[in-house]
Amino acid sequence: MTNLKVIPGGRDPDRRVRLVFIWSLLIGIILSGVAFALKVTEFIYTMSSEEAKGFADVPVTVYFFIAAGWLCLLVWCFLTGKFKEMEREKYDLIELEERYEREGI
């Protein structure tokens, strides 16, 4: 049995919501990409100027260390198998909930 709503004229209300969501997502991604590209362009322009030599050494070094930490965490997850059977916990919890319901807990 399906739970579909039929609207006169054959329009699906969920389709409109999906389209609005997808378009909002695409516009957000595009605007974020443009803003990031402008920031990188300004950074490169500033780094090439004579008056700003060395101004971003510390922040860039900190960003690299943070990125390296995340990379180490990602490699550790791959090496220890954290990405294998990712859905297993969900099914374990569902089974545990069903067991609790059967036992009346």
PDB file of N, CA and C in Angstrom:
ATOM      1  N   MET A   1       0.834  -1.171   0.000  1.00  0.00           N
ATOM      2  CA  MET A   1       0.000   0.000   0.000  1.00  0.00           C
ATOM      3  C   MET A   1       0.887   1.245   0.000  1.00  0.00           C
ATOM      4  N   THR A   2       0.652   2.151  -0.894  1.00  0.00           N
ATOM      5  CA  THR A   2       1.467   3.361  -0.973  1.00  0.00           C
ATOM      6  C   THR A   2       0.744   4.524  -0.330  1.00  0.00           C
ATOM      7  N   ASN A   3       1.507   5.512   0.026  1.00  0.00           N
ATOM      8  CA  ASN A   3       0.970   6.677   0.703  1.00  0.00           C
ATOM      9  C   ASN A   3       1.076   7.891  -0.214  1.00  0.00           C
ATOM     10  N   LEU A   4       0.680   7.735  -1.472  1.00  0.00           N
ATOM     11  CA  LEU A   4       0.810   8.800  -2.457  1.00  0.00           C
ATOM     12  C   LEU A   4      -0.414   9.693  -2.440  1.00  0.00           C
ATOM     13  N   LYS A   5      -0.179  10.991  -2.522  1.00  0.00           N
ATOM     14  CA  LYS A   5      -1.271  11.948  -2.610  1.00  0.00           C
ATOM     15  C   LYS A   5      -1.426  12.345  -4.071  1.00  0.00           C
ATOM     16  N   VAL A   6      -2.633  12.359  -4.514  1.00  0.00           N
ATOM     17  CA  VAL A   6      -2.899  12.751  -5.892  1.00  0.00           C
ATOM     18  C   VAL A   6      -3.506  14.141  -5.868  1.00  0.00           C
ATOM     19  N   ILE A   7      -2.879  15.033  -6.591  1.00  0.00           N
ATOM     20  CA  ILE A   7      -3.363  16.405  -6.685  1.00  0.00           C
ATOM     21  C   ILE A   7      -3.924  16.593  -8.080  1.00  0.00           C
ATOM     22  N   PRO A   8      -5.075  17.262  -8.184  1.00  0.00           N
ATOM     23  CA  PRO A   8      -5.630  17.498  -9.521  1.00  0.00           C
ATOM     24  C   PRO A   8      -4.608  18.199 -10.411  1.00  0.00           C
ATOM     25  N   GLY A   9      -4.497  17.721 -11.608  1.00  0.00           N
ATOM     26  CA  GLY A   9      -3.523  18.264 -12.540  1.00  0.00           C
ATOM     27  C   GLY A   9      -2.255  17.435 -12.568  1.00  0.00           C
ATOM     28  N   GLY A  10      -2.179  16.402 -11.740  1.00  0.00           N
ATOM     29  CA  GLY A  10      -1.058  15.474 -11.759  1.00  0.00           C
ATOM     30  C   GLY A  10       0.234  16.006 -11.170  1.00  0.00           C
ATOM     31  N   ARG A  11       0.166  16.967 -10.267  1.00  0.00           N
ATOM     32  CA  ARG A  11       1.386  17.512  -9.672  1.00  0.00           C
ATOM     33  C   ARG A  11       1.730  16.773  -8.386  1.00  0.00           C
ATOM     34  N   ASP A  12       3.010  16.529  -8.210  1.00  0.00           N
ATOM     35  CA  ASP A  12       3.517  15.845  -7.021  1.00  0.00           C
ATOM     36  C   ASP A  12       4.075  16.903  -6.068  1.00  0.00           C
ATOM     37  N   PRO A  13       3.506  17.047  -4.857  1.00  0.00           N
ATOM     38  CA  PRO A  13       3.994  18.096  -3.948  1.00  0.00           C
ATOM     39  C   PRO A  13       5.427  17.845  -3.480  1.00  0.00           C
ATOM     40  N   ASP A  14       5.824  16.593  -3.364  1.00  0.00           N
ATOM     41  CA  ASP A  14       7.187  16.289  -2.933  1.00  0.00           C
ATOM     42  C   ASP A  14       8.204  16.666  -4.003  1.00  0.00           C
ATOM     43  N   ARG A  15       7.804  16.609  -5.255  1.00  0.00           N
ATOM     44  CA  ARG A  15       8.711  16.959  -6.354  1.00  0.00           C
ATOM     45  C   ARG A  15       9.118  18.428  -6.258  1.00  0.00           C
ATOM     46  N   ARG A  16       8.159  19.280  -5.930  1.00  0.00           N
ATOM     47  CA  ARG A  16       8.455  20.710  -5.810  1.00  0.00           C
ATOM     48  C   ARG A  16       9.439  20.960  -4.666  1.00  0.00           C
ATOM     49  N   VAL A  17       9.235  20.283  -3.555  1.00  0.00           N
ATOM     50  CA  VAL A  17      10.142  20.433  -2.417  1.00  0.00           C
ATOM     51  C   VAL A  17      11.543  19.966  -2.796  1.00  0.00           C
ATOM     52  N   ARG A  18      11.620  18.833  -3.491  1.00  0.00           N
ATOM     53  CA  ARG A  18      12.927  18.323  -3.923  1.00  0.00           C
ATOM     54  C   ARG A  18      13.616  19.300  -4.861  1.00  0.00           C
ATOM     55  N   LEU A  19      12.861  19.856  -5.800  1.00  0.00           N
ATOM     56  CA  LEU A  19      13.454  20.804  -6.749  1.00  0.00           C
ATOM     57  C   LEU A  19      13.966  22.059  -6.046  1.00  0.00           C
ATOM     58  N   VAL A  20      13.185  22.582  -5.110  1.00  0.00           N
ATOM     59  CA  VAL A  20      13.623  23.764  -4.359  1.00  0.00           C
ATOM     60  C   VAL A  20      14.887  23.439  -3.574  1.00  0.00           C
ATOM     61  N   PHE A  21      14.924  22.271  -2.957  1.00  0.00           N
ATOM     62  CA  PHE A  21      16.106  21.867  -2.191  1.00  0.00           C
ATOM     63  C   PHE A  21      17.325  21.734  -3.097  1.00  0.00           C
ATOM     64  N   ILE A  22      17.164  21.054  -4.227  1.00  0.00           N
ATOM     65  CA  ILE A  22      18.291  20.839  -5.139  1.00  0.00           C
ATOM     66  C   ILE A  22      18.799  22.164  -5.694  1.00  0.00           C
ATOM     67  N   TRP A  23      17.894  23.049  -6.104  1.00  0.00           N
ATOM     68  CA  TRP A  23      18.317  24.344  -6.633  1.00  0.00           C
ATOM     69  C   TRP A  23      19.003  25.181  -5.558  1.00  0.00           C
ATOM     70  N   SER A  24      18.476  25.160  -4.345  1.00  0.00           N
ATOM     71  CA  SER A  24      19.115  25.896  -3.246  1.00  0.00           C
ATOM     72  C   SER A  24      20.512  25.358  -2.984  1.00  0.00           C
ATOM     73  N   LEU A  25      20.633  24.044  -3.006  1.00  0.00           N
ATOM     74  CA  LEU A  25      21.931  23.412  -2.791  1.00  0.00           C
ATOM     75  C   LEU A  25      22.915  23.803  -3.890  1.00  0.00           C
ATOM     76  N   LEU A  26      22.484  23.742  -5.134  1.00  0.00           N
ATOM     77  CA  LEU A  26      23.361  24.094  -6.251  1.00  0.00           C
ATOM     78  C   LEU A  26      23.786  25.558  -6.203  1.00  0.00           C
ATOM     79  N   ILE A  27      22.843  26.444  -5.917  1.00  0.00           N
ATOM     80  CA  ILE A  27      23.174  27.868  -5.837  1.00  0.00           C
ATOM     81  C   ILE A  27      24.158  28.115  -4.697  1.00  0.00           C
ATOM     82  N   GLY A  28      23.933  27.464  -3.560  1.00  0.00           N
ATOM     83  CA  GLY A  28      24.853  27.610  -2.427  1.00  0.00           C
ATOM     84  C   GLY A  28      26.250  27.124  -2.753  1.00  0.00           C
ATOM     85  N   ILE A  29      26.343  25.978  -3.434  1.00  0.00           N
ATOM     86  CA  ILE A  29      27.655  25.433  -3.799  1.00  0.00           C
ATOM     87  C   ILE A  29      28.363  26.349  -4.793  1.00  0.00           C
ATOM     88  N   ILE A  30      27.632  26.850  -5.771  1.00  0.00           N
ATOM     89  CA  ILE A  30      28.234  27.739  -6.770  1.00  0.00           C
ATOM     90  C   ILE A  30      28.722  29.031  -6.119  1.00  0.00           C
ATOM     91  N   LEU A  31      27.892  29.639  -5.267  1.00  0.00           N
ATOM     92  CA  LEU A  31      28.307  30.875  -4.600  1.00  0.00           C
ATOM     93  C   LEU A  31      29.506  30.636  -3.682  1.00  0.00           C
ATOM     94  N   SER A  32      29.515  29.513  -3.001  1.00  0.00           N
ATOM     95  CA  SER A  32      30.658  29.187  -2.137  1.00  0.00           C
ATOM     96  C   SER A  32      31.923  28.989  -2.958  1.00  0.00           C
ATOM     97  N   GLY A  33      31.801  28.340  -4.108  1.00  0.00           N
ATOM     98  CA  GLY A  33      32.954  28.137  -4.984  1.00  0.00           C
ATOM     99  C   GLY A  33      33.507  29.449  -5.506  1.00  0.00           C
ATOM    100  N   VAL A  34      32.615  30.355  -5.886  1.00  0.00           N
ATOM    101  CA  VAL A  34      33.056  31.666  -6.372  1.00  0.00           C
ATOM    102  C   VAL A  34      33.752  32.434  -5.250  1.00  0.00           C
ATOM    103  N   ALA A  35      33.170  32.416  -4.060  1.00  0.00           N
ATOM    104  CA  ALA A  35      33.787  33.117  -2.928  1.00  0.00           C
ATOM    105  C   ALA A  35      35.154  32.524  -2.600  1.00  0.00           C
ATOM    106  N   PHE A  36      35.270  31.202  -2.645  1.00  0.00           N
ATOM    107  CA  PHE A  36      36.561  30.564  -2.366  1.00  0.00           C
ATOM    108  C   PHE A  36      37.584  30.934  -3.433  1.00  0.00           C
ATOM    109  N   ALA A  37      37.174  30.934  -4.699  1.00  0.00           N
ATOM    110  CA  ALA A  37      38.094  31.298  -5.778  1.00  0.00           C
ATOM    111  C   ALA A  37      38.574  32.740  -5.616  1.00  0.00           C
ATOM    112  N   LEU A  38      37.665  33.644  -5.241  1.00  0.00           N
ATOM    113  CA  LEU A  38      38.070  35.033  -5.013  1.00  0.00           C
ATOM    114  C   LEU A  38      39.050  35.135  -3.846  1.00  0.00           C
ATOM    115  N   LYS A  39      38.797  34.375  -2.800  1.00  0.00           N
ATOM    116  CA  LYS A  39      39.699  34.414  -1.643  1.00  0.00           C
ATOM    117  C   LYS A  39      41.086  33.896  -2.010  1.00  0.00           C
ATOM    118  N   VAL A  40      41.143  32.813  -2.775  1.00  0.00           N
ATOM    119  CA  VAL A  40      42.436  32.272  -3.202  1.00  0.00           C
ATOM    120  C   VAL A  40      43.149  33.269  -4.109  1.00  0.00           C
ATOM    121  N   THR A  41      42.406  33.903  -5.012  1.00  0.00           N
ATOM    122  CA  THR A  41      42.999  34.901  -5.906  1.00  0.00           C
ATOM    123  C   THR A  41      43.574  36.070  -5.110  1.00  0.00           C
ATOM    124  N   GLU A  42      42.810  36.570  -4.137  1.00  0.00           N
ATOM    125  CA  GLU A  42      43.316  37.661  -3.308  1.00  0.00           C
ATOM    126  C   GLU A  42      44.540  37.229  -2.509  1.00  0.00           C
ATOM    127  N   PHE A  43      44.534  36.002  -2.012  1.00  0.00           N
ATOM    128  CA  PHE A  43      45.669  35.497  -1.243  1.00  0.00           C
ATOM    129  C   PHE A  43      46.919  35.442  -2.115  1.00  0.00           C
ATOM    130  N   ILE A  44      46.781  34.917  -3.334  1.00  0.00           N
ATOM    131  CA  ILE A  44      47.928  34.833  -4.245  1.00  0.00           C
ATOM    132  C   ILE A  44      48.428  36.232  -4.603  1.00  0.00           C
ATOM    133  N   TYR A  45      47.502  37.149  -4.857  1.00  0.00           N
ATOM    134  CA  TYR A  45      47.884  38.525  -5.179  1.00  0.00           C
ATOM    135  C   TYR A  45      48.630  39.166  -4.006  1.00  0.00           C
ATOM    136  N   THR A  46      48.131  38.953  -2.804  1.00  0.00           N
ATOM    137  CA  THR A  46      48.763  39.535  -1.622  1.00  0.00           C
ATOM    138  C   THR A  46      50.130  38.915  -1.365  1.00  0.00           C
ATOM    139  N   MET A  47      50.243  37.607  -1.540  1.00  0.00           N
ATOM    140  CA  MET A  47      51.524  36.938  -1.296  1.00  0.00           C
ATOM    141  C   MET A  47      52.593  37.388  -2.290  1.00  0.00           C
ATOM    142  N   SER A  48      52.179  37.769  -3.489  1.00  0.00           N
ATOM    143  CA  SER A  48      53.159  38.190  -4.492  1.00  0.00           C
ATOM    144  C   SER A  48      53.579  39.649  -4.323  1.00  0.00           C
ATOM    145  N   SER A  49      52.867  40.411  -3.499  1.00  0.00           N
ATOM    146  CA  SER A  49      53.248  41.813  -3.306  1.00  0.00           C
ATOM    147  C   SER A  49      54.424  41.913  -2.339  1.00  0.00           C
ATOM    148  N   GLU A  50      55.228  42.940  -2.528  1.00  0.00           N
ATOM    149  CA  GLU A  50      56.451  43.109  -1.729  1.00  0.00           C
ATOM    150  C   GLU A  50      56.144  43.494  -0.285  1.00  0.00           C
ATOM    151  N   GLU A  51      55.080  44.240  -0.059  1.00  0.00           N
ATOM    152  CA  GLU A  51      54.800  44.765   1.281  1.00  0.00           C
ATOM    153  C   GLU A  51      54.217  43.728   2.241  1.00  0.00           C
ATOM    154  N   ALA A  52      53.777  42.593   1.742  1.00  0.00           N
ATOM    155  CA  ALA A  52      53.125  41.608   2.613  1.00  0.00           C
ATOM    156  C   ALA A  52      53.925  40.322   2.747  1.00  0.00           C
ATOM    157  N   LYS A  53      55.203  40.368   2.486  1.00  0.00           N
ATOM    158  CA  LYS A  53      56.025  39.155   2.574  1.00  0.00           C
ATOM    159  C   LYS A  53      55.986  38.604   3.998  1.00  0.00           C
ATOM    160  N   GLY A  54      55.668  37.321   4.122  1.00  0.00           N
ATOM    161  CA  GLY A  54      55.715  36.635   5.402  1.00  0.00           C
ATOM    162  C   GLY A  54      54.543  36.866   6.325  1.00  0.00           C
ATOM    163  N   PHE A  55      53.522  37.615   5.889  1.00  0.00           N
ATOM    164  CA  PHE A  55      52.416  37.916   6.796  1.00  0.00           C
ATOM    165  C   PHE A  55      51.581  36.680   7.123  1.00  0.00           C
ATOM    166  N   ALA A  56      51.524  35.715   6.209  1.00  0.00           N
ATOM    167  CA  ALA A  56      50.640  34.564   6.413  1.00  0.00           C
ATOM    168  C   ALA A  56      51.402  33.284   6.718  1.00  0.00           C
ATOM    169  N   ASP A  57      52.656  33.399   7.095  1.00  0.00           N
ATOM    170  CA  ASP A  57      53.438  32.190   7.371  1.00  0.00           C
ATOM    171  C   ASP A  57      52.832  31.376   8.504  1.00  0.00           C
ATOM    172  N   VAL A  58      52.487  32.029   9.595  1.00  0.00           N
ATOM    173  CA  VAL A  58      51.948  31.313  10.756  1.00  0.00           C
ATOM    174  C   VAL A  58      50.561  30.735  10.465  1.00  0.00           C
ATOM    175  N   PRO A  59      49.597  31.513   9.952  1.00  0.00           N
ATOM    176  CA  PRO A  59      48.280  30.917   9.696  1.00  0.00           C
ATOM    177  C   PRO A  59      48.322  29.763   8.692  1.00  0.00           C
ATOM    178  N   VAL A  60      49.114  29.910   7.642  1.00  0.00           N
ATOM    179  CA  VAL A  60      49.196  28.839   6.648  1.00  0.00           C
ATOM    180  C   VAL A  60      49.830  27.600   7.260  1.00  0.00           C
ATOM    181  N   THR A  61      50.853  27.781   8.080  1.00  0.00           N
ATOM    182  CA  THR A  61      51.475  26.638   8.755  1.00  0.00           C
ATOM    183  C   THR A  61      50.478  25.944   9.675  1.00  0.00           C
ATOM    184  N   VAL A  62      49.699  26.724  10.407  1.00  0.00           N
ATOM    185  CA  VAL A  62      48.677  26.144  11.287  1.00  0.00           C
ATOM    186  C   VAL A  62      47.651  25.373  10.463  1.00  0.00           C
ATOM    187  N   TYR A  63      47.204  25.935   9.353  1.00  0.00           N
ATOM    188  CA  TYR A  63      46.235  25.238   8.496  1.00  0.00           C
ATOM    189  C   TYR A  63      46.805  23.923   7.980  1.00  0.00           C
ATOM    190  N   PHE A  64      48.083  23.930   7.605  1.00  0.00           N
ATOM    191  CA  PHE A  64      48.703  22.687   7.128  1.00  0.00           C
ATOM    192  C   PHE A  64      48.763  21.638   8.230  1.00  0.00           C
ATOM    193  N   PHE A  65      49.087  22.052   9.451  1.00  0.00           N
ATOM    194  CA  PHE A  65      49.112  21.092  10.561  1.00  0.00           C
ATOM    195  C   PHE A  65      47.720  20.535  10.848  1.00  0.00           C
ATOM    196  N   ILE A  66      46.715  21.391  10.792  1.00  0.00           N
ATOM    197  CA  ILE A  66      45.342  20.928  11.013  1.00  0.00           C
ATOM    198  C   ILE A  66      44.936  19.959   9.908  1.00  0.00           C
ATOM    199  N   ALA A  67      45.235  20.304   8.665  1.00  0.00           N
ATOM    200  CA  ALA A  67      44.908  19.404   7.551  1.00  0.00           C
ATOM    201  C   ALA A  67      45.666  18.091   7.674  1.00  0.00           C
ATOM    202  N   ALA A  68      46.917  18.140   8.111  1.00  0.00           N
ATOM    203  CA  ALA A  68      47.698  16.911   8.293  1.00  0.00           C
ATOM    204  C   ALA A  68      47.091  16.048   9.392  1.00  0.00           C
ATOM    205  N   GLY A  69      46.587  16.677  10.443  1.00  0.00           N
ATOM    206  CA  GLY A  69      45.920  15.920  11.504  1.00  0.00           C
ATOM    207  C   GLY A  69      44.681  15.207  11.005  1.00  0.00           C
ATOM    208  N   TRP A  70      43.882  15.904  10.206  1.00  0.00           N
ATOM    209  CA  TRP A  70      42.684  15.270   9.630  1.00  0.00           C
ATOM    210  C   TRP A  70      43.069  14.144   8.676  1.00  0.00           C
ATOM    211  N   LEU A  71      44.149  14.353   7.920  1.00  0.00           N
ATOM    212  CA  LEU A  71      44.617  13.305   7.013  1.00  0.00           C
ATOM    213  C   LEU A  71      45.072  12.080   7.799  1.00  0.00           C
ATOM    214  N   CYS A  72      45.782  12.300   8.900  1.00  0.00           N
ATOM    215  CA  CYS A  72      46.200  11.167   9.748  1.00  0.00           C
ATOM    216  C   CYS A  72      44.985  10.433  10.303  1.00  0.00           C
ATOM    217  N   LEU A  73      43.977  11.173  10.710  1.00  0.00           N
ATOM    218  CA  LEU A  73      42.753  10.547  11.218  1.00  0.00           C
ATOM    219  C   LEU A  73      42.063   9.728  10.128  1.00  0.00           C
ATOM    220  N   LEU A  74      42.017  10.256   8.919  1.00  0.00           N
ATOM    221  CA  LEU A  74      41.413   9.532   7.800  1.00  0.00           C
ATOM    222  C   LEU A  74      42.187   8.262   7.483  1.00  0.00           C
ATOM    223  N   VAL A  75      43.516   8.355   7.442  1.00  0.00           N
ATOM    224  CA  VAL A  75      44.347   7.171   7.176  1.00  0.00           C
ATOM    225  C   VAL A  75      44.160   6.137   8.277  1.00  0.00           C
ATOM    226  N   TRP A  76      44.112   6.582   9.531  1.00  0.00           N
ATOM    227  CA  TRP A  76      43.896   5.662  10.651  1.00  0.00           C
ATOM    228  C   TRP A  76      42.555   4.942  10.509  1.00  0.00           C
ATOM    229  N   CYS A  77      41.520   5.678  10.112  1.00  0.00           N
ATOM    230  CA  CYS A  77      40.199   5.058   9.921  1.00  0.00           C
ATOM    231  C   CYS A  77      40.247   4.001   8.825  1.00  0.00           C
ATOM    232  N   PHE A  78      40.941   4.289   7.739  1.00  0.00           N
ATOM    233  CA  PHE A  78      41.056   3.298   6.669  1.00  0.00           C
ATOM    234  C   PHE A  78      41.843   2.076   7.126  1.00  0.00           C
ATOM    235  N   LEU A  79      42.962   2.305   7.808  1.00  0.00           N
ATOM    236  CA  LEU A  79      43.830   1.196   8.204  1.00  0.00           C
ATOM    237  C   LEU A  79      43.202   0.307   9.269  1.00  0.00           C
ATOM    238  N   THR A  80      42.389   0.872  10.139  1.00  0.00           N
ATOM    239  CA  THR A  80      41.778   0.073  11.206  1.00  0.00           C
ATOM    240  C   THR A  80      40.405  -0.457  10.826  1.00  0.00           C
ATOM    241  N   GLY A  81      39.951  -0.176   9.598  1.00  0.00           N
ATOM    242  CA  GLY A  81      38.692  -0.737   9.121  1.00  0.00           C
ATOM    243  C   GLY A  81      37.450  -0.033   9.629  1.00  0.00           C
ATOM    244  N   LYS A  82      37.558   1.225   9.978  1.00  0.00           N
ATOM    245  CA  LYS A  82      36.397   1.968  10.483  1.00  0.00           C
ATOM    246  C   LYS A  82      35.340   2.196   9.407  1.00  0.00           C
ATOM    247  N   PHE A  83      35.727   2.110   8.140  1.00  0.00           N
ATOM    248  CA  PHE A  83      34.783   2.348   7.060  1.00  0.00           C
ATOM    249  C   PHE A  83      34.168   1.062   6.526  1.00  0.00           C
ATOM    250  N   LYS A  84      34.505  -0.061   7.132  1.00  0.00           N
ATOM    251  CA  LYS A  84      33.894  -1.327   6.730  1.00  0.00           C
ATOM    252  C   LYS A  84      32.638  -1.539   7.557  1.00  0.00           C
ATOM    253  N   GLU A  85      31.607  -2.018   6.943  1.00  0.00           N
ATOM    254  CA  GLU A  85      30.330  -2.300   7.603  1.00  0.00           C
ATOM    255  C   GLU A  85      29.855  -1.106   8.433  1.00  0.00           C
ATOM    256  N   MET A  86      29.811   0.055   7.817  1.00  0.00           N
ATOM    257  CA  MET A  86      29.401   1.265   8.527  1.00  0.00           C
ATOM    258  C   MET A  86      27.951   1.194   8.989  1.00  0.00           C
ATOM    259  N   GLU A  87      27.127   0.461   8.277  1.00  0.00           N
ATOM    260  CA  GLU A  87      25.711   0.356   8.618  1.00  0.00           C
ATOM    261  C   GLU A  87      25.451  -0.691   9.698  1.00  0.00           C
ATOM    262  N   ARG A  88      26.458  -1.455  10.066  1.00  0.00           N
ATOM    263  CA  ARG A  88      26.282  -2.549  11.029  1.00  0.00           C
ATOM    264  C   ARG A  88      25.735  -2.048  12.364  1.00  0.00           C
ATOM    265  N   GLU A  89      26.237  -0.926  12.852  1.00  0.00           N
ATOM    266  CA  GLU A  89      25.779  -0.381  14.134  1.00  0.00           C
ATOM    267  C   GLU A  89      24.291  -0.064  14.103  1.00  0.00           C
ATOM    268  N   LYS A  90      23.829   0.457  12.970  1.00  0.00           N
ATOM    269  CA  LYS A  90      22.411   0.781  12.852  1.00  0.00           C
ATOM    270  C   LYS A  90      21.572  -0.478  13.005  1.00  0.00           C
ATOM    271  N   TYR A  91      21.967  -1.531  12.315  1.00  0.00           N
ATOM    272  CA  TYR A  91      21.211  -2.779  12.395  1.00  0.00           C
ATOM    273  C   TYR A  91      21.313  -3.404  13.783  1.00  0.00           C
ATOM    274  N   ASP A  92      22.458  -3.264  14.424  1.00  0.00           N
ATOM    275  CA  ASP A  92      22.595  -3.764  15.796  1.00  0.00           C
ATOM    276  C   ASP A  92      21.635  -3.043  16.737  1.00  0.00           C
ATOM    277  N   LEU A  93      21.518  -1.727  16.582  1.00  0.00           N
ATOM    278  CA  LEU A  93      20.600  -0.964  17.425  1.00  0.00           C
ATOM    279  C   LEU A  93      19.147  -1.327  17.155  1.00  0.00           C
ATOM    280  N   ILE A  94      18.809  -1.562  15.887  1.00  0.00           N
ATOM    281  CA  ILE A  94      17.438  -1.967  15.557  1.00  0.00           C
ATOM    282  C   ILE A  94      17.128  -3.316  16.180  1.00  0.00           C
ATOM    283  N   GLU A  95      18.062  -4.254  16.094  1.00  0.00           N
ATOM    284  CA  GLU A  95      17.868  -5.567  16.715  1.00  0.00           C
ATOM    285  C   GLU A  95      17.749  -5.445  18.229  1.00  0.00           C
ATOM    286  N   LEU A  96      18.559  -4.586  18.833  1.00  0.00           N
ATOM    287  CA  LEU A  96      18.501  -4.389  20.274  1.00  0.00           C
ATOM    288  C   LEU A  96      17.159  -3.790  20.691  1.00  0.00           C
ATOM    289  N   GLU A  97      16.664  -2.826  19.909  1.00  0.00           N
ATOM    290  CA  GLU A  97      15.364  -2.229  20.200  1.00  0.00           C
ATOM    291  C   GLU A  97      14.254  -3.268  20.094  1.00  0.00           C
ATOM    292  N   GLU A  98      14.300  -4.112  19.062  1.00  0.00           N
ATOM    293  CA  GLU A  98      13.293  -5.165  18.923  1.00  0.00           C
ATOM    294  C   GLU A  98      13.356  -6.140  20.092  1.00  0.00           C
ATOM    295  N   ARG A  99      14.562  -6.461  20.541  1.00  0.00           N
ATOM    296  CA  ARG A  99      14.706  -7.363  21.688  1.00  0.00           C
ATOM    297  C   ARG A  99      14.123  -6.731  22.945  1.00  0.00           C
ATOM    298  N   TYR A 100      14.380  -5.435  23.146  1.00  0.00           N
ATOM    299  CA  TYR A 100      13.821  -4.735  24.301  1.00  0.00           C
ATOM    300  C   TYR A 100      12.296  -4.733  24.254  1.00  0.00           C
ATOM    301  N   GLU A 101      11.730  -4.516  23.068  1.00  0.00           N
ATOM    302  CA  GLU A 101      10.273  -4.523  22.936  1.00  0.00           C
ATOM    303  C   GLU A 101       9.696  -5.897  23.239  1.00  0.00           C
ATOM    304  N   ARG A 102      10.375  -6.948  22.780  1.00  0.00           N
ATOM    305  CA  ARG A 102       9.905  -8.308  23.069  1.00  0.00           C
ATOM    306  C   ARG A 102       9.959  -8.615  24.560  1.00  0.00           C
ATOM    307  N   GLU A 103      11.003  -8.134  25.213  1.00  0.00           N
ATOM    308  CA  GLU A 103      11.182  -8.412  26.634  1.00  0.00           C
ATOM    309  C   GLU A 103      10.427  -7.429  27.518  1.00  0.00           C
ATOM    310  N   GLY A 104       9.856  -6.395  26.922  1.00  0.00           N
ATOM    311  CA  GLY A 104       9.084  -5.423  27.686  1.00  0.00           C
ATOM    312  C   GLY A 104       9.931  -4.462  28.504  1.00  0.00           C
ATOM    313  N   ILE A 105      11.112  -4.214  28.059  1.00  0.00           N
ATOM    314  CA  ILE A 105      12.022  -3.311  28.785  1.00  0.00           C
ATOM    315  C   ILE A 105      11.774  -1.879  28.358  1.00  0.00           C
TER     316      ILE A 105
END
